[in-house]
Amino acid sequence: MILPTKRIHQNRALLTVGAEVLRRLNEPKTVSKLWDEIQKAYRGRVSAPTLTYDWFILSLDLLFALNTIHLNDGLIAKAKQRK
């Protein structure tokens, strides 16, 4: 689920979806804006499996658990890196 397996395509693994999310978080965005951007990215790939909304939300949960993103005033943003 988190990593690709025999049954989970590499483009559907939560780490891969999370990487797509992080790539698009150059500025804070709403969940719906981020979802629209991710959907467009996955539709443009011929070999990519369909990405469902619940799988997208699971990737956000994973990123939040890893302290990679945070939610502030309804906007998702990258967490600040510690030095």
PDB file of N, CA and C in Angstrom:
ATOM      1  N   MET A   1       0.828  -1.190   0.000  1.00  0.00           N
ATOM      2  CA  MET A   1       0.000   0.000   0.000  1.00  0.00           C
ATOM      3  C   MET A   1       0.872   1.254   0.000  1.00  0.00           C
ATOM      4  N   ILE A   2       1.807   1.313   0.913  1.00  0.00           N
ATOM      5  CA  ILE A   2       2.687   2.470   0.951  1.00  0.00           C
ATOM      6  C   ILE A   2       3.729   2.369  -0.159  1.00  0.00           C
ATOM      7  N   LEU A   3       4.243   1.172  -0.345  1.00  0.00           N
ATOM      8  CA  LEU A   3       5.212   0.898  -1.404  1.00  0.00           C
ATOM      9  C   LEU A   3       4.566   0.041  -2.482  1.00  0.00           C
ATOM     10  N   PRO A   4       5.105   0.047  -3.706  1.00  0.00           N
ATOM     11  CA  PRO A   4       4.555  -0.826  -4.750  1.00  0.00           C
ATOM     12  C   PRO A   4       4.731  -2.300  -4.379  1.00  0.00           C
ATOM     13  N   THR A   5       3.773  -3.110  -4.783  1.00  0.00           N
ATOM     14  CA  THR A   5       3.838  -4.553  -4.575  1.00  0.00           C
ATOM     15  C   THR A   5       3.386  -5.234  -5.863  1.00  0.00           C
ATOM     16  N   LYS A   6       3.205  -6.536  -5.807  1.00  0.00           N
ATOM     17  CA  LYS A   6       2.693  -7.257  -6.975  1.00  0.00           C
ATOM     18  C   LYS A   6       1.306  -6.760  -7.365  1.00  0.00           C
ATOM     19  N   ARG A   7       0.509  -6.403  -6.364  1.00  0.00           N
ATOM     20  CA  ARG A   7      -0.883  -6.014  -6.619  1.00  0.00           C
ATOM     21  C   ARG A   7      -1.104  -4.507  -6.694  1.00  0.00           C
ATOM     22  N   ILE A   8      -0.112  -3.745  -6.290  1.00  0.00           N
ATOM     23  CA  ILE A   8      -0.247  -2.281  -6.313  1.00  0.00           C
ATOM     24  C   ILE A   8       0.776  -1.716  -7.296  1.00  0.00           C
ATOM     25  N   HIS A   9       0.268  -1.090  -8.357  1.00  0.00           N
ATOM     26  CA  HIS A   9       1.112  -0.498  -9.392  1.00  0.00           C
ATOM     27  C   HIS A   9       1.984   0.584  -8.771  1.00  0.00           C
ATOM     28  N   GLN A  10       3.177   0.764  -9.312  1.00  0.00           N
ATOM     29  CA  GLN A  10       4.102   1.741  -8.731  1.00  0.00           C
ATOM     30  C   GLN A  10       3.554   3.166  -8.768  1.00  0.00           C
ATOM     31  N   ASN A  11       2.727   3.503  -9.750  1.00  0.00           N
ATOM     32  CA  ASN A  11       2.142   4.839  -9.806  1.00  0.00           C
ATOM     33  C   ASN A  11       0.981   5.027  -8.839  1.00  0.00           C
ATOM     34  N   ARG A  12       0.543   3.936  -8.216  1.00  0.00           N
ATOM     35  CA  ARG A  12      -0.563   4.020  -7.267  1.00  0.00           C
ATOM     36  C   ARG A  12      -0.092   3.890  -5.817  1.00  0.00           C
ATOM     37  N   ALA A  13       1.155   3.542  -5.599  1.00  0.00           N
ATOM     38  CA  ALA A  13       1.688   3.435  -4.240  1.00  0.00           C
ATOM     39  C   ALA A  13       1.576   4.800  -3.551  1.00  0.00           C
ATOM     40  N   LEU A  14       1.290   4.776  -2.269  1.00  0.00           N
ATOM     41  CA  LEU A  14       1.064   6.031  -1.548  1.00  0.00           C
ATOM     42  C   LEU A  14       2.283   6.953  -1.563  1.00  0.00           C
ATOM     43  N   LEU A  15       3.473   6.388  -1.545  1.00  0.00           N
ATOM     44  CA  LEU A  15       4.674   7.238  -1.625  1.00  0.00           C
ATOM     45  C   LEU A  15       4.778   7.938  -2.975  1.00  0.00           C
ATOM     46  N   THR A  16       4.385   7.266  -4.035  1.00  0.00           N
ATOM     47  CA  THR A  16       4.411   7.884  -5.365  1.00  0.00           C
ATOM     48  C   THR A  16       3.369   8.986  -5.470  1.00  0.00           C
ATOM     49  N   VAL A  17       2.166   8.707  -4.989  1.00  0.00           N
ATOM     50  CA  VAL A  17       1.117   9.726  -5.000  1.00  0.00           C
ATOM     51  C   VAL A  17       1.536  10.896  -4.111  1.00  0.00           C
ATOM     52  N   GLY A  18       2.126  10.594  -2.964  1.00  0.00           N
ATOM     53  CA  GLY A  18       2.615  11.650  -2.074  1.00  0.00           C
ATOM     54  C   GLY A  18       3.682  12.509  -2.733  1.00  0.00           C
ATOM     55  N   ALA A  19       4.545  11.887  -3.517  1.00  0.00           N
ATOM     56  CA  ALA A  19       5.570  12.646  -4.241  1.00  0.00           C
ATOM     57  C   ALA A  19       4.925  13.589  -5.253  1.00  0.00           C
ATOM     58  N   GLU A  20       3.861  13.122  -5.914  1.00  0.00           N
ATOM     59  CA  GLU A  20       3.123  13.996  -6.843  1.00  0.00           C
ATOM     60  C   GLU A  20       2.506  15.178  -6.105  1.00  0.00           C
ATOM     61  N   VAL A  21       1.976  14.911  -4.936  1.00  0.00           N
ATOM     62  CA  VAL A  21       1.393  15.981  -4.125  1.00  0.00           C
ATOM     63  C   VAL A  21       2.466  17.009  -3.758  1.00  0.00           C
ATOM     64  N   LEU A  22       3.593  16.539  -3.261  1.00  0.00           N
ATOM     65  CA  LEU A  22       4.665  17.452  -2.859  1.00  0.00           C
ATOM     66  C   LEU A  22       5.193  18.259  -4.041  1.00  0.00           C
ATOM     67  N   ARG A  23       5.242  17.646  -5.211  1.00  0.00           N
ATOM     68  CA  ARG A  23       5.723  18.334  -6.410  1.00  0.00           C
ATOM     69  C   ARG A  23       4.827  19.524  -6.748  1.00  0.00           C
ATOM     70  N   ARG A  24       3.548  19.412  -6.432  1.00  0.00           N
ATOM     71  CA  ARG A  24       2.605  20.470  -6.773  1.00  0.00           C
ATOM     72  C   ARG A  24       2.369  21.479  -5.649  1.00  0.00           C
ATOM     73  N   LEU A  25       3.022  21.296  -4.529  1.00  0.00           N
ATOM     74  CA  LEU A  25       2.834  22.209  -3.398  1.00  0.00           C
ATOM     75  C   LEU A  25       3.916  23.301  -3.373  1.00  0.00           C
ATOM     76  N   ASN A  26       4.069  24.008  -4.478  1.00  0.00           N
ATOM     77  CA  ASN A  26       5.008  25.123  -4.493  1.00  0.00           C
ATOM     78  C   ASN A  26       4.445  26.326  -3.742  1.00  0.00           C
ATOM     79  N   GLU A  27       3.141  26.283  -3.487  1.00  0.00           N
ATOM     80  CA  GLU A  27       2.452  27.283  -2.666  1.00  0.00           C
ATOM     81  C   GLU A  27       1.302  26.575  -1.959  1.00  0.00           C
ATOM     82  N   PRO A  28       0.820  27.093  -0.837  1.00  0.00           N
ATOM     83  CA  PRO A  28      -0.302  26.451  -0.137  1.00  0.00           C
ATOM     84  C   PRO A  28      -1.542  26.369  -1.037  1.00  0.00           C
ATOM     85  N   LYS A  29      -2.230  25.230  -0.983  1.00  0.00           N
ATOM     86  CA  LYS A  29      -3.399  25.003  -1.836  1.00  0.00           C
ATOM     87  C   LYS A  29      -4.493  24.315  -1.039  1.00  0.00           C
ATOM     88  N   THR A  30      -5.719  24.458  -1.523  1.00  0.00           N
ATOM     89  CA  THR A  30      -6.840  23.737  -0.925  1.00  0.00           C
ATOM     90  C   THR A  30      -6.788  22.277  -1.371  1.00  0.00           C
ATOM     91  N   VAL A  31      -7.499  21.441  -0.644  1.00  0.00           N
ATOM     92  CA  VAL A  31      -7.550  20.021  -0.993  1.00  0.00           C
ATOM     93  C   VAL A  31      -8.151  19.851  -2.385  1.00  0.00           C
ATOM     94  N   SER A  32      -9.209  20.588  -2.685  1.00  0.00           N
ATOM     95  CA  SER A  32      -9.864  20.433  -3.988  1.00  0.00           C
ATOM     96  C   SER A  32      -8.971  20.892  -5.137  1.00  0.00           C
ATOM     97  N   LYS A  33      -8.230  21.958  -4.952  1.00  0.00           N
ATOM     98  CA  LYS A  33      -7.291  22.422  -5.988  1.00  0.00           C
ATOM     99  C   LYS A  33      -6.203  21.377  -6.222  1.00  0.00           C
ATOM    100  N   LEU A  34      -5.675  20.849  -5.142  1.00  0.00           N
ATOM    101  CA  LEU A  34      -4.636  19.824  -5.230  1.00  0.00           C
ATOM    102  C   LEU A  34      -5.179  18.565  -5.904  1.00  0.00           C
ATOM    103  N   TRP A  35      -6.394  18.164  -5.565  1.00  0.00           N
ATOM    104  CA  TRP A  35      -7.022  16.992  -6.164  1.00  0.00           C
ATOM    105  C   TRP A  35      -7.192  17.184  -7.667  1.00  0.00           C
ATOM    106  N   ASP A  36      -7.638  18.366  -8.084  1.00  0.00           N
ATOM    107  CA  ASP A  36      -7.789  18.646  -9.515  1.00  0.00           C
ATOM    108  C   ASP A  36      -6.459  18.520 -10.253  1.00  0.00           C
ATOM    109  N   GLU A  37      -5.403  19.054  -9.671  1.00  0.00           N
ATOM    110  CA  GLU A  37      -4.087  18.989 -10.304  1.00  0.00           C
ATOM    111  C   GLU A  37      -3.568  17.555 -10.394  1.00  0.00           C
ATOM    112  N   ILE A  38      -3.774  16.789  -9.346  1.00  0.00           N
ATOM    113  CA  ILE A  38      -3.321  15.394  -9.343  1.00  0.00           C
ATOM    114  C   ILE A  38      -4.121  14.583 -10.365  1.00  0.00           C
ATOM    115  N   GLN A  39      -5.425  14.808 -10.438  1.00  0.00           N
ATOM    116  CA  GLN A  39      -6.251  14.100 -11.425  1.00  0.00           C
ATOM    117  C   GLN A  39      -5.764  14.373 -12.839  1.00  0.00           C
ATOM    118  N   LYS A  40      -5.478  15.630 -13.143  1.00  0.00           N
ATOM    119  CA  LYS A  40      -4.986  15.988 -14.480  1.00  0.00           C
ATOM    120  C   LYS A  40      -3.660  15.292 -14.767  1.00  0.00           C
ATOM    121  N   ALA A  41      -2.803  15.232 -13.784  1.00  0.00           N
ATOM    122  CA  ALA A  41      -1.502  14.580 -13.974  1.00  0.00           C
ATOM    123  C   ALA A  41      -1.676  13.093 -14.251  1.00  0.00           C
ATOM    124  N   TYR A  42      -2.576  12.440 -13.541  1.00  0.00           N
ATOM    125  CA  TYR A  42      -2.781  11.002 -13.728  1.00  0.00           C
ATOM    126  C   TYR A  42      -3.538  10.695 -15.025  1.00  0.00           C
ATOM    127  N   ARG A  43      -4.401  11.583 -15.454  1.00  0.00           N
ATOM    128  CA  ARG A  43      -5.106  11.365 -16.715  1.00  0.00           C
ATOM    129  C   ARG A  43      -4.160  11.457 -17.907  1.00  0.00           C
ATOM    130  N   GLY A  44      -3.111  12.247 -17.766  1.00  0.00           N
ATOM    131  CA  GLY A  44      -2.162  12.432 -18.857  1.00  0.00           C
ATOM    132  C   GLY A  44      -1.228  11.263 -19.065  1.00  0.00           C
ATOM    133  N   ARG A  45      -1.220  10.311 -18.158  1.00  0.00           N
ATOM    134  CA  ARG A  45      -0.341   9.148 -18.261  1.00  0.00           C
ATOM    135  C   ARG A  45      -1.111   7.948 -18.793  1.00  0.00           C
ATOM    136  N   VAL A  46      -0.603   7.381 -19.838  1.00  0.00           N
ATOM    137  CA  VAL A  46      -1.268   6.238 -20.445  1.00  0.00           C
ATOM    138  C   VAL A  46      -1.182   5.010 -19.554  1.00  0.00           C
ATOM    139  N   SER A  47      -0.010   4.766 -18.969  1.00  0.00           N
ATOM    140  CA  SER A  47       0.183   3.532 -18.200  1.00  0.00           C
ATOM    141  C   SER A  47      -0.243   3.650 -16.736  1.00  0.00           C
ATOM    142  N   ALA A  48      -0.612   4.834 -16.312  1.00  0.00           N
ATOM    143  CA  ALA A  48      -0.967   5.017 -14.899  1.00  0.00           C
ATOM    144  C   ALA A  48      -2.369   4.485 -14.609  1.00  0.00           C
ATOM    145  N   PRO A  49      -2.540   3.790 -13.489  1.00  0.00           N
ATOM    146  CA  PRO A  49      -3.879   3.323 -13.112  1.00  0.00           C
ATOM    147  C   PRO A  49      -4.732   4.493 -12.624  1.00  0.00           C
ATOM    148  N   THR A  50      -6.015   4.257 -12.543  1.00  0.00           N
ATOM    149  CA  THR A  50      -6.927   5.282 -12.051  1.00  0.00           C
ATOM    150  C   THR A  50      -6.641   5.575 -10.581  1.00  0.00           C
ATOM    151  N   LEU A  51      -6.615   6.832 -10.252  1.00  0.00           N
ATOM    152  CA  LEU A  51      -6.399   7.230  -8.863  1.00  0.00           C
ATOM    153  C   LEU A  51      -7.732   7.713  -8.301  1.00  0.00           C
ATOM    154  N   THR A  52      -8.177   7.102  -7.216  1.00  0.00           N
ATOM    155  CA  THR A  52      -9.440   7.483  -6.597  1.00  0.00           C
ATOM    156  C   THR A  52      -9.194   8.533  -5.514  1.00  0.00           C
ATOM    157  N   TYR A  53     -10.259   9.220  -5.151  1.00  0.00           N
ATOM    158  CA  TYR A  53     -10.164  10.270  -4.151  1.00  0.00           C
ATOM    159  C   TYR A  53      -9.720   9.719  -2.796  1.00  0.00           C
ATOM    160  N   ASP A  54     -10.235   8.556  -2.416  1.00  0.00           N
ATOM    161  CA  ASP A  54      -9.849   8.000  -1.118  1.00  0.00           C
ATOM    162  C   ASP A  54      -8.360   7.642  -1.080  1.00  0.00           C
ATOM    163  N   TRP A  55      -7.817   7.200  -2.201  1.00  0.00           N
ATOM    164  CA  TRP A  55      -6.384   6.888  -2.265  1.00  0.00           C
ATOM    165  C   TRP A  55      -5.569   8.177  -2.154  1.00  0.00           C
ATOM    166  N   PHE A  56      -6.060   9.242  -2.785  1.00  0.00           N
ATOM    167  CA  PHE A  56      -5.428  10.562  -2.690  1.00  0.00           C
ATOM    168  C   PHE A  56      -5.405  11.036  -1.234  1.00  0.00           C
ATOM    169  N   ILE A  57      -6.531  10.878  -0.540  1.00  0.00           N
ATOM    170  CA  ILE A  57      -6.614  11.288   0.864  1.00  0.00           C
ATOM    171  C   ILE A  57      -5.675  10.452   1.729  1.00  0.00           C
ATOM    172  N   LEU A  58      -5.556   9.159   1.443  1.00  0.00           N
ATOM    173  CA  LEU A  58      -4.607   8.322   2.175  1.00  0.00           C
ATOM    174  C   LEU A  58      -3.173   8.820   1.991  1.00  0.00           C
ATOM    175  N   SER A  59      -2.850   9.284   0.801  1.00  0.00           N
ATOM    176  CA  SER A  59      -1.499   9.823   0.583  1.00  0.00           C
ATOM    177  C   SER A  59      -1.288  11.102   1.399  1.00  0.00           C
ATOM    178  N   LEU A  60      -2.334  11.927   1.520  1.00  0.00           N
ATOM    179  CA  LEU A  60      -2.226  13.120   2.368  1.00  0.00           C
ATOM    180  C   LEU A  60      -2.039  12.723   3.828  1.00  0.00           C
ATOM    181  N   ASP A  61      -2.765  11.696   4.258  1.00  0.00           N
ATOM    182  CA  ASP A  61      -2.606  11.197   5.632  1.00  0.00           C
ATOM    183  C   ASP A  61      -1.176  10.739   5.883  1.00  0.00           C
ATOM    184  N   LEU A  62      -0.618  10.015   4.923  1.00  0.00           N
ATOM    185  CA  LEU A  62       0.758   9.549   5.059  1.00  0.00           C
ATOM    186  C   LEU A  62       1.734  10.718   5.157  1.00  0.00           C
ATOM    187  N   LEU A  63       1.575  11.698   4.280  1.00  0.00           N
ATOM    188  CA  LEU A  63       2.463  12.871   4.312  1.00  0.00           C
ATOM    189  C   LEU A  63       2.327  13.636   5.626  1.00  0.00           C
ATOM    190  N   PHE A  64       1.104  13.731   6.134  1.00  0.00           N
ATOM    191  CA  PHE A  64       0.890  14.408   7.406  1.00  0.00           C
ATOM    192  C   PHE A  64       1.550  13.633   8.546  1.00  0.00           C
ATOM    193  N   ALA A  65       1.414  12.309   8.527  1.00  0.00           N
ATOM    194  CA  ALA A  65       2.024  11.471   9.573  1.00  0.00           C
ATOM    195  C   ALA A  65       3.552  11.560   9.537  1.00  0.00           C
ATOM    196  N   LEU A  66       4.100  11.791   8.368  1.00  0.00           N
ATOM    197  CA  LEU A  66       5.556  11.927   8.219  1.00  0.00           C
ATOM    198  C   LEU A  66       6.031  13.368   8.456  1.00  0.00           C
ATOM    199  N   ASN A  67       5.118  14.246   8.866  1.00  0.00           N
ATOM    200  CA  ASN A  67       5.412  15.668   9.109  1.00  0.00           C
ATOM    201  C   ASN A  67       5.988  16.352   7.879  1.00  0.00           C
ATOM    202  N   THR A  68       5.464  15.988   6.718  1.00  0.00           N
ATOM    203  CA  THR A  68       5.917  16.576   5.466  1.00  0.00           C
ATOM    204  C   THR A  68       5.006  17.705   5.020  1.00  0.00           C
ATOM    205  N   ILE A  69       3.729  17.626   5.399  1.00  0.00           N
ATOM    206  CA  ILE A  69       2.765  18.681   5.080  1.00  0.00           C
ATOM    207  C   ILE A  69       2.034  19.076   6.353  1.00  0.00           C
ATOM    208  N   HIS A  70       1.386  20.241   6.289  1.00  0.00           N
ATOM    209  CA  HIS A  70       0.534  20.666   7.398  1.00  0.00           C
ATOM    210  C   HIS A  70      -0.665  21.418   6.834  1.00  0.00           C
ATOM    211  N   LEU A  71      -1.700  21.533   7.640  1.00  0.00           N
ATOM    212  CA  LEU A  71      -2.932  22.209   7.257  1.00  0.00           C
ATOM    213  C   LEU A  71      -3.048  23.477   8.080  1.00  0.00           C
ATOM    214  N   ASN A  72      -3.236  24.605   7.398  1.00  0.00           N
ATOM    215  CA  ASN A  72      -3.345  25.890   8.082  1.00  0.00           C
ATOM    216  C   ASN A  72      -4.409  26.727   7.383  1.00  0.00           C
ATOM    217  N   ASP A  73      -5.471  27.070   8.091  1.00  0.00           N
ATOM    218  CA  ASP A  73      -6.575  27.864   7.548  1.00  0.00           C
ATOM    219  C   ASP A  73      -7.162  27.252   6.277  1.00  0.00           C
ATOM    220  N   GLY A  74      -7.284  25.930   6.240  1.00  0.00           N
ATOM    221  CA  GLY A  74      -7.883  25.249   5.105  1.00  0.00           C
ATOM    222  C   GLY A  74      -6.960  25.040   3.921  1.00  0.00           C
ATOM    223  N   LEU A  75      -5.690  25.398   4.071  1.00  0.00           N
ATOM    224  CA  LEU A  75      -4.722  25.232   2.991  1.00  0.00           C
ATOM    225  C   LEU A  75      -3.653  24.220   3.384  1.00  0.00           C
ATOM    226  N   ILE A  76      -3.303  23.363   2.451  1.00  0.00           N
ATOM    227  CA  ILE A  76      -2.232  22.393   2.674  1.00  0.00           C
ATOM    228  C   ILE A  76      -0.936  23.018   2.174  1.00  0.00           C
ATOM    229  N   ALA A  77       0.100  22.911   2.978  1.00  0.00           N
ATOM    230  CA  ALA A  77       1.414  23.454   2.610  1.00  0.00           C
ATOM    231  C   ALA A  77       2.492  22.483   3.030  1.00  0.00           C
ATOM    232  N   LYS A  78       3.646  22.612   2.407  1.00  0.00           N
ATOM    233  CA  LYS A  78       4.801  21.821   2.819  1.00  0.00           C
ATOM    234  C   LYS A  78       5.232  22.282   4.208  1.00  0.00           C
ATOM    235  N   ALA A  79       5.648  21.318   5.032  1.00  0.00           N
ATOM    236  CA  ALA A  79       6.155  21.667   6.352  1.00  0.00           C
ATOM    237  C   ALA A  79       7.541  22.257   6.201  1.00  0.00           C
ATOM    238  N   LYS A  80       7.889  23.132   7.093  1.00  0.00           N
ATOM    239  CA  LYS A  80       9.223  23.721   7.060  1.00  0.00           C
ATOM    240  C   LYS A  80      10.249  22.656   7.443  1.00  0.00           C
ATOM    241  N   GLN A  81      11.357  22.657   6.757  1.00  0.00           N
ATOM    242  CA  GLN A  81      12.417  21.694   7.055  1.00  0.00           C
ATOM    243  C   GLN A  81      13.211  22.162   8.254  1.00  0.00           C
ATOM    244  N   ARG A  82      13.528  21.208   9.106  1.00  0.00           N
ATOM    245  CA  ARG A  82      14.342  21.521  10.278  1.00  0.00           C
ATOM    246  C   ARG A  82      15.802  21.472   9.886  1.00  0.00           C
ATOM    247  N   LYS A  83      16.580  22.322  10.520  1.00  0.00           N
ATOM    248  CA  LYS A  83      18.015  22.356  10.227  1.00  0.00           C
ATOM    249  C   LYS A  83      18.785  21.742  11.351  1.00  0.00           C
TER     250      LYS A  83
END
